[in-house]
Amino acid sequence: MGPDMVARISKNLTPQEPQPKGPRFAAVSIIIRDRRFPSILLIKRAERSGDPWSGQIAFPGGKMQPEDRTARDTAVRETMEEVGFDLGGAAEFLGYASVTTTHTGTMDVVPLVFILKEGVEIKPNGEVASYRWVDLGDLLAPETQSTHKLSYQGRDVELPAYAVGDYVVWGLTHGILSKLLAAPG
């Protein structure tokens, strides 16, 4: 599945820079390690008051800043800040995945897919509680398919999720991964 998975994902990417529809725009880095046995980097966000993604499993990334000319600039800057390595030198840019809007409708998020050309040392900053390389094949395994229960606006909600050890991937990250992995090649 290895190289085939990377090729399948790559076919569904575009080299065209997406244009934000609204005033708030963010970019996340989907970083693939090893074409033969592909795995992706997931981070667990640190618990922080006022952070809507506090404690969640995510990709490195964040909001576009005035100094960022492109979504790619944002993804590279945020990856350096959060996990301590430069995608510009360590990885090949494969393309942009489809833009996803947050469940609140207040921010567009563009996923950028990179594949590492060399090994990297992860040096998480204070925004990152932990990180893990997750095998793409594990995400497709039936035993990984799960649900996540949470209380939202006063009611209990059950959402689709991937459960990989103690990492439960749900919400925006789950949606991005599901689209990327389910896309026909």
N, C-alpha and C. Protein backbone atom coordinates (compact mmCIF):
# COMPACT_ATOMS: atom_id res chain seq x y z
N MET A 1 0.81 -1.19 0.00
CA MET A 1 0.00 0.00 0.00
C MET A 1 0.86 1.25 0.00
N GLY A 2 2.07 1.22 0.49
CA GLY A 2 2.93 2.38 0.67
C GLY A 2 2.99 3.37 -0.47
N PRO A 3 3.82 3.09 -1.48
CA PRO A 3 3.95 4.06 -2.58
C PRO A 3 2.61 4.31 -3.28
N ASP A 4 1.76 3.27 -3.34
CA ASP A 4 0.45 3.42 -3.96
C ASP A 4 -0.38 4.45 -3.19
N MET A 5 -0.29 4.43 -1.87
CA MET A 5 -1.06 5.37 -1.04
C MET A 5 -0.59 6.80 -1.30
N VAL A 6 0.71 7.02 -1.34
CA VAL A 6 1.24 8.36 -1.60
C VAL A 6 0.83 8.82 -3.00
N ALA A 7 0.91 7.92 -3.98
CA ALA A 7 0.51 8.26 -5.34
C ALA A 7 -0.98 8.59 -5.40
N ARG A 8 -1.79 7.81 -4.70
CA ARG A 8 -3.24 8.06 -4.69
C ARG A 8 -3.56 9.42 -4.07
N ILE A 9 -2.90 9.73 -2.95
CA ILE A 9 -3.10 11.02 -2.30
C ILE A 9 -2.65 12.14 -3.24
N SER A 10 -1.49 11.97 -3.86
CA SER A 10 -0.92 13.00 -4.73
C SER A 10 -1.83 13.34 -5.91
N LYS A 11 -2.52 12.34 -6.46
CA LYS A 11 -3.41 12.56 -7.60
C LYS A 11 -4.56 13.50 -7.26
N ASN A 12 -4.88 13.60 -5.98
CA ASN A 12 -6.02 14.39 -5.56
C ASN A 12 -5.62 15.74 -4.98
N LEU A 13 -4.39 16.14 -5.24
CA LEU A 13 -3.89 17.43 -4.77
C LEU A 13 -3.80 18.39 -5.94
N THR A 14 -3.75 19.65 -5.64
CA THR A 14 -3.59 20.66 -6.68
C THR A 14 -2.38 21.53 -6.36
N PRO A 15 -1.68 22.00 -7.39
CA PRO A 15 -0.57 22.92 -7.15
C PRO A 15 -1.05 24.36 -6.99
N GLN A 16 -2.35 24.60 -7.24
CA GLN A 16 -2.89 25.96 -7.21
C GLN A 16 -3.15 26.44 -5.79
N GLU A 17 -2.63 27.59 -5.45
CA GLU A 17 -2.85 28.22 -4.15
C GLU A 17 -4.34 28.53 -4.00
N PRO A 18 -4.98 28.00 -2.96
CA PRO A 18 -6.41 28.30 -2.76
C PRO A 18 -6.61 29.74 -2.28
N GLN A 19 -7.73 30.29 -2.63
CA GLN A 19 -8.06 31.64 -2.19
C GLN A 19 -9.05 31.56 -1.03
N PRO A 20 -8.77 32.28 0.05
CA PRO A 20 -9.70 32.26 1.18
C PRO A 20 -11.04 32.88 0.79
N LYS A 21 -12.12 32.29 1.32
CA LYS A 21 -13.45 32.84 1.05
C LYS A 21 -13.83 33.87 2.11
N GLY A 22 -13.31 33.67 3.30
CA GLY A 22 -13.65 34.58 4.40
C GLY A 22 -12.41 35.28 4.92
N PRO A 23 -12.59 36.08 5.95
CA PRO A 23 -11.47 36.86 6.49
C PRO A 23 -10.47 36.03 7.31
N ARG A 24 -10.90 34.86 7.80
CA ARG A 24 -10.01 34.04 8.62
C ARG A 24 -9.59 32.81 7.83
N PHE A 25 -8.27 32.60 7.77
CA PHE A 25 -7.70 31.55 6.94
C PHE A 25 -6.57 30.89 7.71
N ALA A 26 -6.50 29.59 7.67
CA ALA A 26 -5.43 28.85 8.34
C ALA A 26 -4.89 27.79 7.40
N ALA A 27 -3.69 27.29 7.71
CA ALA A 27 -3.07 26.23 6.93
C ALA A 27 -2.50 25.19 7.88
N VAL A 28 -2.61 23.92 7.49
CA VAL A 28 -2.03 22.83 8.27
C VAL A 28 -1.12 22.00 7.37
N SER A 29 -0.11 21.40 7.97
CA SER A 29 0.87 20.57 7.25
C SER A 29 0.59 19.10 7.49
N ILE A 30 0.26 18.39 6.42
CA ILE A 30 0.18 16.94 6.49
C ILE A 30 1.54 16.44 6.00
N ILE A 31 2.32 15.95 6.95
CA ILE A 31 3.71 15.58 6.67
C ILE A 31 3.81 14.06 6.62
N ILE A 32 4.20 13.55 5.46
CA ILE A 32 4.35 12.11 5.26
C ILE A 32 5.81 11.73 5.38
N ARG A 33 6.06 10.67 6.12
CA ARG A 33 7.42 10.12 6.25
C ARG A 33 7.43 8.75 5.58
N ASP A 34 8.38 8.54 4.66
CA ASP A 34 8.64 7.24 4.04
C ASP A 34 7.59 6.82 3.02
N ARG A 35 7.92 6.91 1.75
CA ARG A 35 7.00 6.52 0.66
C ARG A 35 6.60 5.05 0.74
N ARG A 36 7.55 4.18 1.10
CA ARG A 36 7.27 2.73 1.12
C ARG A 36 6.33 2.33 2.25
N PHE A 37 6.53 2.93 3.41
CA PHE A 37 5.70 2.65 4.58
C PHE A 37 5.24 3.99 5.16
N PRO A 38 4.31 4.67 4.46
CA PRO A 38 3.98 6.04 4.82
C PRO A 38 3.30 6.18 6.18
N SER A 39 3.78 7.16 6.91
CA SER A 39 3.15 7.55 8.17
C SER A 39 3.06 9.07 8.17
N ILE A 40 2.13 9.60 8.96
CA ILE A 40 1.94 11.04 9.04
C ILE A 40 2.18 11.52 10.45
N LEU A 41 2.60 12.77 10.55
CA LEU A 41 2.86 13.38 11.85
C LEU A 41 1.58 13.98 12.41
N LEU A 42 1.19 13.52 13.58
CA LEU A 42 0.08 14.11 14.33
C LEU A 42 0.62 14.67 15.63
N ILE A 43 0.04 15.77 16.07
CA ILE A 43 0.43 16.35 17.34
C ILE A 43 -0.79 16.39 18.26
N LYS A 44 -0.52 16.37 19.55
CA LYS A 44 -1.57 16.61 20.54
C LYS A 44 -1.35 18.02 21.05
N ARG A 45 -2.33 18.86 20.87
CA ARG A 45 -2.23 20.25 21.31
C ARG A 45 -2.20 20.31 22.83
N ALA A 46 -1.41 21.20 23.36
CA ALA A 46 -1.33 21.41 24.81
C ALA A 46 -2.68 21.94 25.31
N GLU A 47 -2.99 21.64 26.55
CA GLU A 47 -4.20 22.16 27.19
C GLU A 47 -3.96 23.63 27.50
N ARG A 48 -4.77 24.50 26.86
CA ARG A 48 -4.61 25.94 27.07
C ARG A 48 -5.98 26.60 27.14
N SER A 49 -6.18 27.40 28.15
CA SER A 49 -7.43 28.13 28.32
C SER A 49 -7.65 29.07 27.12
N GLY A 50 -8.86 29.06 26.58
CA GLY A 50 -9.20 29.94 25.48
C GLY A 50 -8.86 29.39 24.11
N ASP A 51 -8.17 28.26 24.04
CA ASP A 51 -7.82 27.65 22.76
C ASP A 51 -8.92 26.67 22.38
N PRO A 52 -9.67 26.93 21.29
CA PRO A 52 -10.77 26.03 20.93
C PRO A 52 -10.31 24.63 20.55
N TRP A 53 -9.03 24.45 20.23
CA TRP A 53 -8.50 23.14 19.86
C TRP A 53 -7.62 22.55 20.97
N SER A 54 -7.73 23.09 22.16
CA SER A 54 -6.94 22.66 23.31
C SER A 54 -7.07 21.15 23.53
N GLY A 55 -5.93 20.46 23.62
CA GLY A 55 -5.90 19.03 23.90
C GLY A 55 -6.26 18.12 22.75
N GLN A 56 -6.61 18.67 21.59
CA GLN A 56 -7.02 17.84 20.47
C GLN A 56 -5.83 17.34 19.65
N ILE A 57 -6.08 16.27 18.92
CA ILE A 57 -5.10 15.73 17.99
C ILE A 57 -5.23 16.53 16.69
N ALA A 58 -4.10 16.95 16.15
CA ALA A 58 -4.12 17.86 15.00
C ALA A 58 -2.88 17.67 14.14
N PHE A 59 -2.82 18.46 13.07
CA PHE A 59 -1.61 18.61 12.27
C PHE A 59 -0.94 19.89 12.72
N PRO A 60 0.38 20.01 12.54
CA PRO A 60 0.99 21.31 12.79
C PRO A 60 0.33 22.35 11.87
N GLY A 61 0.08 23.52 12.40
CA GLY A 61 -0.53 24.56 11.58
C GLY A 61 -1.19 25.63 12.41
N GLY A 62 -1.72 26.62 11.72
CA GLY A 62 -2.39 27.71 12.41
C GLY A 62 -2.83 28.79 11.46
N LYS A 63 -3.25 29.90 12.07
CA LYS A 63 -3.81 31.02 11.30
C LYS A 63 -2.76 31.74 10.47
N MET A 64 -3.20 32.20 9.31
CA MET A 64 -2.36 33.01 8.45
C MET A 64 -2.12 34.35 9.15
N GLN A 65 -0.88 34.81 9.12
CA GLN A 65 -0.49 36.08 9.72
C GLN A 65 -0.21 37.09 8.60
N PRO A 66 -0.22 38.38 8.93
CA PRO A 66 0.02 39.40 7.89
C PRO A 66 1.32 39.21 7.11
N GLU A 67 2.34 38.67 7.76
CA GLU A 67 3.63 38.47 7.07
C GLU A 67 3.62 37.25 6.13
N ASP A 68 2.60 36.41 6.22
CA ASP A 68 2.49 35.23 5.34
C ASP A 68 1.86 35.66 4.01
N ARG A 69 2.57 35.46 2.93
CA ARG A 69 2.04 35.80 1.60
C ARG A 69 1.10 34.72 1.08
N THR A 70 1.37 33.46 1.48
CA THR A 70 0.61 32.32 0.95
C THR A 70 0.29 31.34 2.07
N ALA A 71 -0.62 30.41 1.76
CA ALA A 71 -0.93 29.33 2.71
C ALA A 71 0.32 28.49 2.96
N ARG A 72 1.13 28.34 1.93
CA ARG A 72 2.37 27.57 2.10
C ARG A 72 3.31 28.26 3.08
N ASP A 73 3.41 29.58 3.01
CA ASP A 73 4.21 30.32 3.99
C ASP A 73 3.70 30.06 5.41
N THR A 74 2.38 30.06 5.56
CA THR A 74 1.78 29.82 6.87
C THR A 74 2.12 28.42 7.37
N ALA A 75 1.95 27.42 6.52
CA ALA A 75 2.22 26.03 6.92
C ALA A 75 3.68 25.83 7.31
N VAL A 76 4.59 26.38 6.53
CA VAL A 76 6.03 26.24 6.82
C VAL A 76 6.38 26.96 8.13
N ARG A 77 5.87 28.17 8.31
CA ARG A 77 6.15 28.93 9.54
C ARG A 77 5.58 28.21 10.77
N GLU A 78 4.34 27.79 10.68
CA GLU A 78 3.70 27.13 11.82
C GLU A 78 4.38 25.80 12.16
N THR A 79 4.80 25.05 11.15
CA THR A 79 5.51 23.79 11.40
C THR A 79 6.83 24.06 12.12
N MET A 80 7.55 25.07 11.68
CA MET A 80 8.81 25.43 12.35
C MET A 80 8.54 25.82 13.81
N GLU A 81 7.52 26.66 14.03
CA GLU A 81 7.20 27.10 15.38
C GLU A 81 6.79 25.94 16.28
N GLU A 82 5.93 25.06 15.78
CA GLU A 82 5.33 24.03 16.64
C GLU A 82 6.18 22.78 16.81
N VAL A 83 6.88 22.34 15.75
CA VAL A 83 7.63 21.09 15.87
C VAL A 83 9.12 21.23 15.53
N GLY A 84 9.56 22.45 15.20
CA GLY A 84 10.98 22.76 15.16
C GLY A 84 11.80 22.32 13.96
N PHE A 85 11.17 22.11 12.80
CA PHE A 85 12.01 21.84 11.62
C PHE A 85 11.44 22.57 10.41
N ASP A 86 12.33 22.80 9.44
CA ASP A 86 12.01 23.59 8.26
C ASP A 86 11.54 22.69 7.12
N LEU A 87 10.25 22.77 6.81
CA LEU A 87 9.71 22.00 5.69
C LEU A 87 10.34 22.40 4.37
N GLY A 88 10.75 23.66 4.25
CA GLY A 88 11.35 24.14 3.01
C GLY A 88 12.57 23.36 2.61
N GLY A 89 13.37 22.92 3.56
CA GLY A 89 14.57 22.16 3.25
C GLY A 89 14.41 20.67 3.41
N ALA A 90 13.57 20.24 4.34
CA ALA A 90 13.49 18.82 4.68
C ALA A 90 12.44 18.04 3.90
N ALA A 91 11.56 18.75 3.17
CA ALA A 91 10.44 18.05 2.54
C ALA A 91 10.17 18.54 1.13
N GLU A 92 9.52 17.69 0.37
CA GLU A 92 9.03 18.04 -0.96
C GLU A 92 7.55 18.38 -0.82
N PHE A 93 7.14 19.49 -1.38
CA PHE A 93 5.74 19.90 -1.37
C PHE A 93 4.99 19.13 -2.45
N LEU A 94 3.95 18.37 -2.06
CA LEU A 94 3.19 17.58 -3.02
C LEU A 94 1.97 18.32 -3.56
N GLY A 95 1.40 19.22 -2.75
CA GLY A 95 0.26 19.99 -3.22
C GLY A 95 -0.72 20.32 -2.12
N TYR A 96 -1.79 21.01 -2.54
CA TYR A 96 -2.86 21.44 -1.63
C TYR A 96 -4.02 20.46 -1.70
N ALA A 97 -4.54 20.07 -0.54
CA ALA A 97 -5.77 19.29 -0.49
C ALA A 97 -6.94 20.28 -0.46
N SER A 98 -8.15 19.77 -0.51
CA SER A 98 -9.30 20.67 -0.57
C SER A 98 -9.49 21.43 0.74
N VAL A 99 -9.90 22.68 0.59
CA VAL A 99 -10.13 23.57 1.73
C VAL A 99 -11.31 23.04 2.54
N THR A 100 -11.17 23.08 3.85
CA THR A 100 -12.23 22.67 4.77
C THR A 100 -12.60 23.88 5.62
N THR A 101 -13.87 24.06 5.84
CA THR A 101 -14.35 25.14 6.71
C THR A 101 -14.63 24.55 8.08
N THR A 102 -14.23 25.26 9.14
CA THR A 102 -14.48 24.77 10.50
C THR A 102 -15.98 24.63 10.74
N HIS A 103 -16.35 23.83 11.74
CA HIS A 103 -17.77 23.57 12.01
C HIS A 103 -18.53 24.85 12.36
N THR A 104 -17.82 25.87 12.83
CA THR A 104 -18.49 27.13 13.17
C THR A 104 -18.68 28.01 11.94
N GLY A 105 -17.98 27.64 10.84
CA GLY A 105 -18.07 28.42 9.61
C GLY A 105 -17.26 29.70 9.64
N THR A 106 -16.40 29.84 10.64
CA THR A 106 -15.67 31.11 10.81
C THR A 106 -14.25 31.09 10.25
N MET A 107 -13.77 29.93 9.82
CA MET A 107 -12.40 29.86 9.31
C MET A 107 -12.28 28.79 8.24
N ASP A 108 -11.57 29.14 7.17
CA ASP A 108 -11.22 28.17 6.13
C ASP A 108 -9.83 27.63 6.45
N VAL A 109 -9.68 26.31 6.34
CA VAL A 109 -8.41 25.65 6.62
C VAL A 109 -7.97 24.91 5.36
N VAL A 110 -6.74 25.22 4.91
CA VAL A 110 -6.20 24.53 3.74
C VAL A 110 -5.10 23.56 4.20
N PRO A 111 -5.25 22.28 3.89
CA PRO A 111 -4.21 21.30 4.19
C PRO A 111 -3.18 21.27 3.05
N LEU A 112 -1.92 21.31 3.41
CA LEU A 112 -0.82 21.17 2.45
C LEU A 112 -0.13 19.85 2.74
N VAL A 113 0.19 19.11 1.70
CA VAL A 113 0.79 17.79 1.88
C VAL A 113 2.26 17.86 1.47
N PHE A 114 3.11 17.36 2.36
CA PHE A 114 4.56 17.33 2.14
C PHE A 114 5.04 15.90 2.37
N ILE A 115 6.13 15.52 1.71
CA ILE A 115 6.78 14.24 2.01
C ILE A 115 8.22 14.54 2.36
N LEU A 116 8.67 13.98 3.46
CA LEU A 116 10.04 14.24 3.92
C LEU A 116 11.06 13.64 2.96
N LYS A 117 12.12 14.40 2.72
CA LYS A 117 13.25 13.94 1.90
C LYS A 117 14.36 13.39 2.79
N GLU A 118 14.28 13.70 4.07
CA GLU A 118 15.32 13.31 5.03
C GLU A 118 14.68 13.18 6.40
N GLY A 119 15.43 12.56 7.32
CA GLY A 119 14.95 12.45 8.69
C GLY A 119 14.95 13.82 9.35
N VAL A 120 14.04 14.02 10.27
CA VAL A 120 13.97 15.29 10.99
C VAL A 120 13.92 15.02 12.49
N GLU A 121 14.38 15.99 13.24
CA GLU A 121 14.27 15.93 14.69
C GLU A 121 13.09 16.80 15.10
N ILE A 122 12.14 16.19 15.80
CA ILE A 122 10.97 16.92 16.27
C ILE A 122 11.33 17.60 17.59
N LYS A 123 11.12 18.92 17.63
CA LYS A 123 11.36 19.70 18.85
C LYS A 123 10.11 20.51 19.15
N PRO A 124 9.13 19.88 19.84
CA PRO A 124 7.85 20.55 20.07
C PRO A 124 8.00 21.79 20.96
N ASN A 125 7.20 22.82 20.63
CA ASN A 125 7.18 24.01 21.48
C ASN A 125 6.08 23.85 22.53
N GLY A 126 5.78 24.91 23.26
CA GLY A 126 4.79 24.86 24.33
C GLY A 126 3.36 24.64 23.88
N GLU A 127 3.08 24.80 22.59
CA GLU A 127 1.73 24.56 22.08
C GLU A 127 1.45 23.08 21.86
N VAL A 128 2.50 22.25 21.91
CA VAL A 128 2.39 20.83 21.58
C VAL A 128 2.71 19.99 22.82
N ALA A 129 1.73 19.19 23.25
CA ALA A 129 1.92 18.33 24.41
C ALA A 129 2.69 17.06 24.04
N SER A 130 2.42 16.52 22.85
CA SER A 130 3.11 15.31 22.38
C SER A 130 2.92 15.20 20.88
N TYR A 131 3.61 14.23 20.29
CA TYR A 131 3.48 13.98 18.86
C TYR A 131 3.63 12.49 18.60
N ARG A 132 3.20 12.08 17.41
CA ARG A 132 3.29 10.67 17.04
C ARG A 132 3.27 10.55 15.52
N TRP A 133 4.07 9.62 15.01
CA TRP A 133 3.98 9.24 13.60
C TRP A 133 2.97 8.12 13.52
N VAL A 134 1.94 8.27 12.70
CA VAL A 134 0.87 7.29 12.59
C VAL A 134 0.88 6.70 11.19
N ASP A 135 0.96 5.38 11.11
CA ASP A 135 0.96 4.65 9.84
C ASP A 135 -0.36 4.90 9.12
N LEU A 136 -0.29 5.32 7.85
CA LEU A 136 -1.52 5.57 7.08
C LEU A 136 -2.38 4.32 6.97
N GLY A 137 -1.75 3.17 6.86
CA GLY A 137 -2.50 1.91 6.80
C GLY A 137 -3.32 1.68 8.06
N ASP A 138 -2.78 2.07 9.21
CA ASP A 138 -3.52 1.91 10.46
C ASP A 138 -4.80 2.73 10.47
N LEU A 139 -4.76 3.91 9.84
CA LEU A 139 -5.96 4.75 9.81
C LEU A 139 -7.07 4.13 8.98
N LEU A 140 -6.71 3.30 8.01
CA LEU A 140 -7.71 2.66 7.15
C LEU A 140 -8.22 1.34 7.72
N ALA A 141 -7.56 0.83 8.75
CA ALA A 141 -7.95 -0.46 9.34
C ALA A 141 -9.31 -0.34 10.04
N PRO A 142 -10.19 -1.33 9.88
CA PRO A 142 -11.53 -1.27 10.50
C PRO A 142 -11.47 -1.07 12.02
N GLU A 143 -10.48 -1.66 12.68
CA GLU A 143 -10.41 -1.53 14.14
C GLU A 143 -10.04 -0.11 14.60
N THR A 144 -9.57 0.70 13.68
CA THR A 144 -9.22 2.08 14.01
C THR A 144 -10.44 3.00 13.91
N GLN A 145 -11.45 2.59 13.13
CA GLN A 145 -12.67 3.39 12.99
C GLN A 145 -13.40 3.40 14.32
N SER A 146 -13.79 4.58 14.76
CA SER A 146 -14.34 4.71 16.10
C SER A 146 -15.31 5.89 16.12
N THR A 147 -15.74 6.24 17.31
CA THR A 147 -16.52 7.47 17.51
C THR A 147 -15.96 8.19 18.73
N HIS A 148 -16.24 9.47 18.80
CA HIS A 148 -15.80 10.29 19.92
C HIS A 148 -17.04 10.98 20.49
N LYS A 149 -17.24 10.86 21.80
CA LYS A 149 -18.40 11.48 22.45
C LYS A 149 -17.95 12.75 23.15
N LEU A 150 -18.74 13.82 22.97
CA LEU A 150 -18.46 15.05 23.69
C LEU A 150 -19.76 15.79 23.92
N SER A 151 -19.69 16.73 24.84
CA SER A 151 -20.82 17.59 25.11
C SER A 151 -20.61 18.87 24.33
N TYR A 152 -21.58 19.22 23.50
CA TYR A 152 -21.47 20.41 22.66
C TYR A 152 -22.77 21.19 22.74
N GLN A 153 -22.68 22.43 23.16
CA GLN A 153 -23.82 23.32 23.29
C GLN A 153 -24.96 22.66 24.07
N GLY A 154 -24.58 22.04 25.18
CA GLY A 154 -25.56 21.48 26.10
C GLY A 154 -26.13 20.12 25.73
N ARG A 155 -25.62 19.51 24.68
CA ARG A 155 -26.12 18.17 24.35
C ARG A 155 -24.96 17.24 24.03
N ASP A 156 -25.18 15.95 24.24
CA ASP A 156 -24.15 14.96 23.95
C ASP A 156 -24.16 14.64 22.46
N VAL A 157 -22.96 14.61 21.89
CA VAL A 157 -22.79 14.38 20.46
C VAL A 157 -21.79 13.25 20.28
N GLU A 158 -22.05 12.40 19.29
CA GLU A 158 -21.11 11.33 18.95
C GLU A 158 -20.62 11.58 17.53
N LEU A 159 -19.30 11.70 17.38
CA LEU A 159 -18.70 12.03 16.10
C LEU A 159 -17.80 10.90 15.61
N PRO A 160 -17.66 10.74 14.28
CA PRO A 160 -16.72 9.74 13.77
C PRO A 160 -15.30 10.09 14.18
N ALA A 161 -14.49 9.06 14.38
CA ALA A 161 -13.12 9.28 14.84
C ALA A 161 -12.23 8.12 14.39
N TYR A 162 -10.92 8.36 14.43
CA TYR A 162 -9.91 7.32 14.30
C TYR A 162 -9.28 7.18 15.68
N ALA A 163 -9.20 5.96 16.18
CA ALA A 163 -8.55 5.72 17.47
C ALA A 163 -7.24 4.98 17.23
N VAL A 164 -6.13 5.66 17.49
CA VAL A 164 -4.81 5.08 17.31
C VAL A 164 -4.10 5.18 18.66
N GLY A 165 -4.13 4.08 19.40
CA GLY A 165 -3.59 4.13 20.76
C GLY A 165 -4.40 5.13 21.57
N ASP A 166 -3.71 6.01 22.29
CA ASP A 166 -4.40 7.02 23.09
C ASP A 166 -4.69 8.30 22.30
N TYR A 167 -4.42 8.29 21.01
CA TYR A 167 -4.75 9.42 20.14
C TYR A 167 -6.12 9.15 19.49
N VAL A 168 -7.09 10.00 19.79
CA VAL A 168 -8.40 9.91 19.16
C VAL A 168 -8.53 11.12 18.25
N VAL A 169 -8.57 10.85 16.96
CA VAL A 169 -8.60 11.90 15.93
C VAL A 169 -10.05 12.12 15.53
N TRP A 170 -10.57 13.30 15.81
CA TRP A 170 -11.96 13.61 15.50
C TRP A 170 -12.05 15.06 15.00
N GLY A 171 -13.23 15.49 14.67
CA GLY A 171 -13.45 16.89 14.28
C GLY A 171 -12.77 17.25 12.97
N LEU A 172 -12.18 18.44 12.95
CA LEU A 172 -11.57 18.97 11.74
C LEU A 172 -10.47 18.06 11.19
N THR A 173 -9.61 17.56 12.06
CA THR A 173 -8.51 16.69 11.62
C THR A 173 -9.06 15.40 11.03
N HIS A 174 -10.07 14.82 11.66
CA HIS A 174 -10.70 13.61 11.13
C HIS A 174 -11.29 13.89 9.75
N GLY A 175 -11.97 15.01 9.60
CA GLY A 175 -12.58 15.36 8.32
C GLY A 175 -11.55 15.51 7.20
N ILE A 176 -10.46 16.19 7.52
CA ILE A 176 -9.40 16.38 6.52
C ILE A 176 -8.80 15.03 6.13
N LEU A 177 -8.47 14.21 7.11
CA LEU A 177 -7.89 12.89 6.83
C LEU A 177 -8.86 12.00 6.06
N SER A 178 -10.12 12.01 6.43
CA SER A 178 -11.11 11.16 5.77
C SER A 178 -11.21 11.53 4.29
N LYS A 179 -11.27 12.82 3.99
CA LYS A 179 -11.33 13.24 2.58
C LYS A 179 -10.08 12.83 1.84
N LEU A 180 -8.93 13.01 2.48
CA LEU A 180 -7.66 12.71 1.82
C LEU A 180 -7.52 11.20 1.56
N LEU A 181 -7.89 10.37 2.54
CA LEU A 181 -7.71 8.92 2.41
C LEU A 181 -8.81 8.26 1.58
N ALA A 182 -9.99 8.86 1.51
CA ALA A 182 -11.09 8.25 0.77
C ALA A 182 -11.12 8.67 -0.69
N ALA A 183 -10.34 9.68 -1.02
CA ALA A 183 -10.36 10.19 -2.39
C ALA A 183 -9.93 9.12 -3.37
N PRO A 184 -10.67 8.97 -4.46
CA PRO A 184 -10.27 7.98 -5.47
C PRO A 184 -8.97 8.40 -6.16
N GLY A 185 -8.18 7.41 -6.54
CA GLY A 185 -6.89 7.70 -7.15
C GLY A 185 -6.92 7.94 -8.60
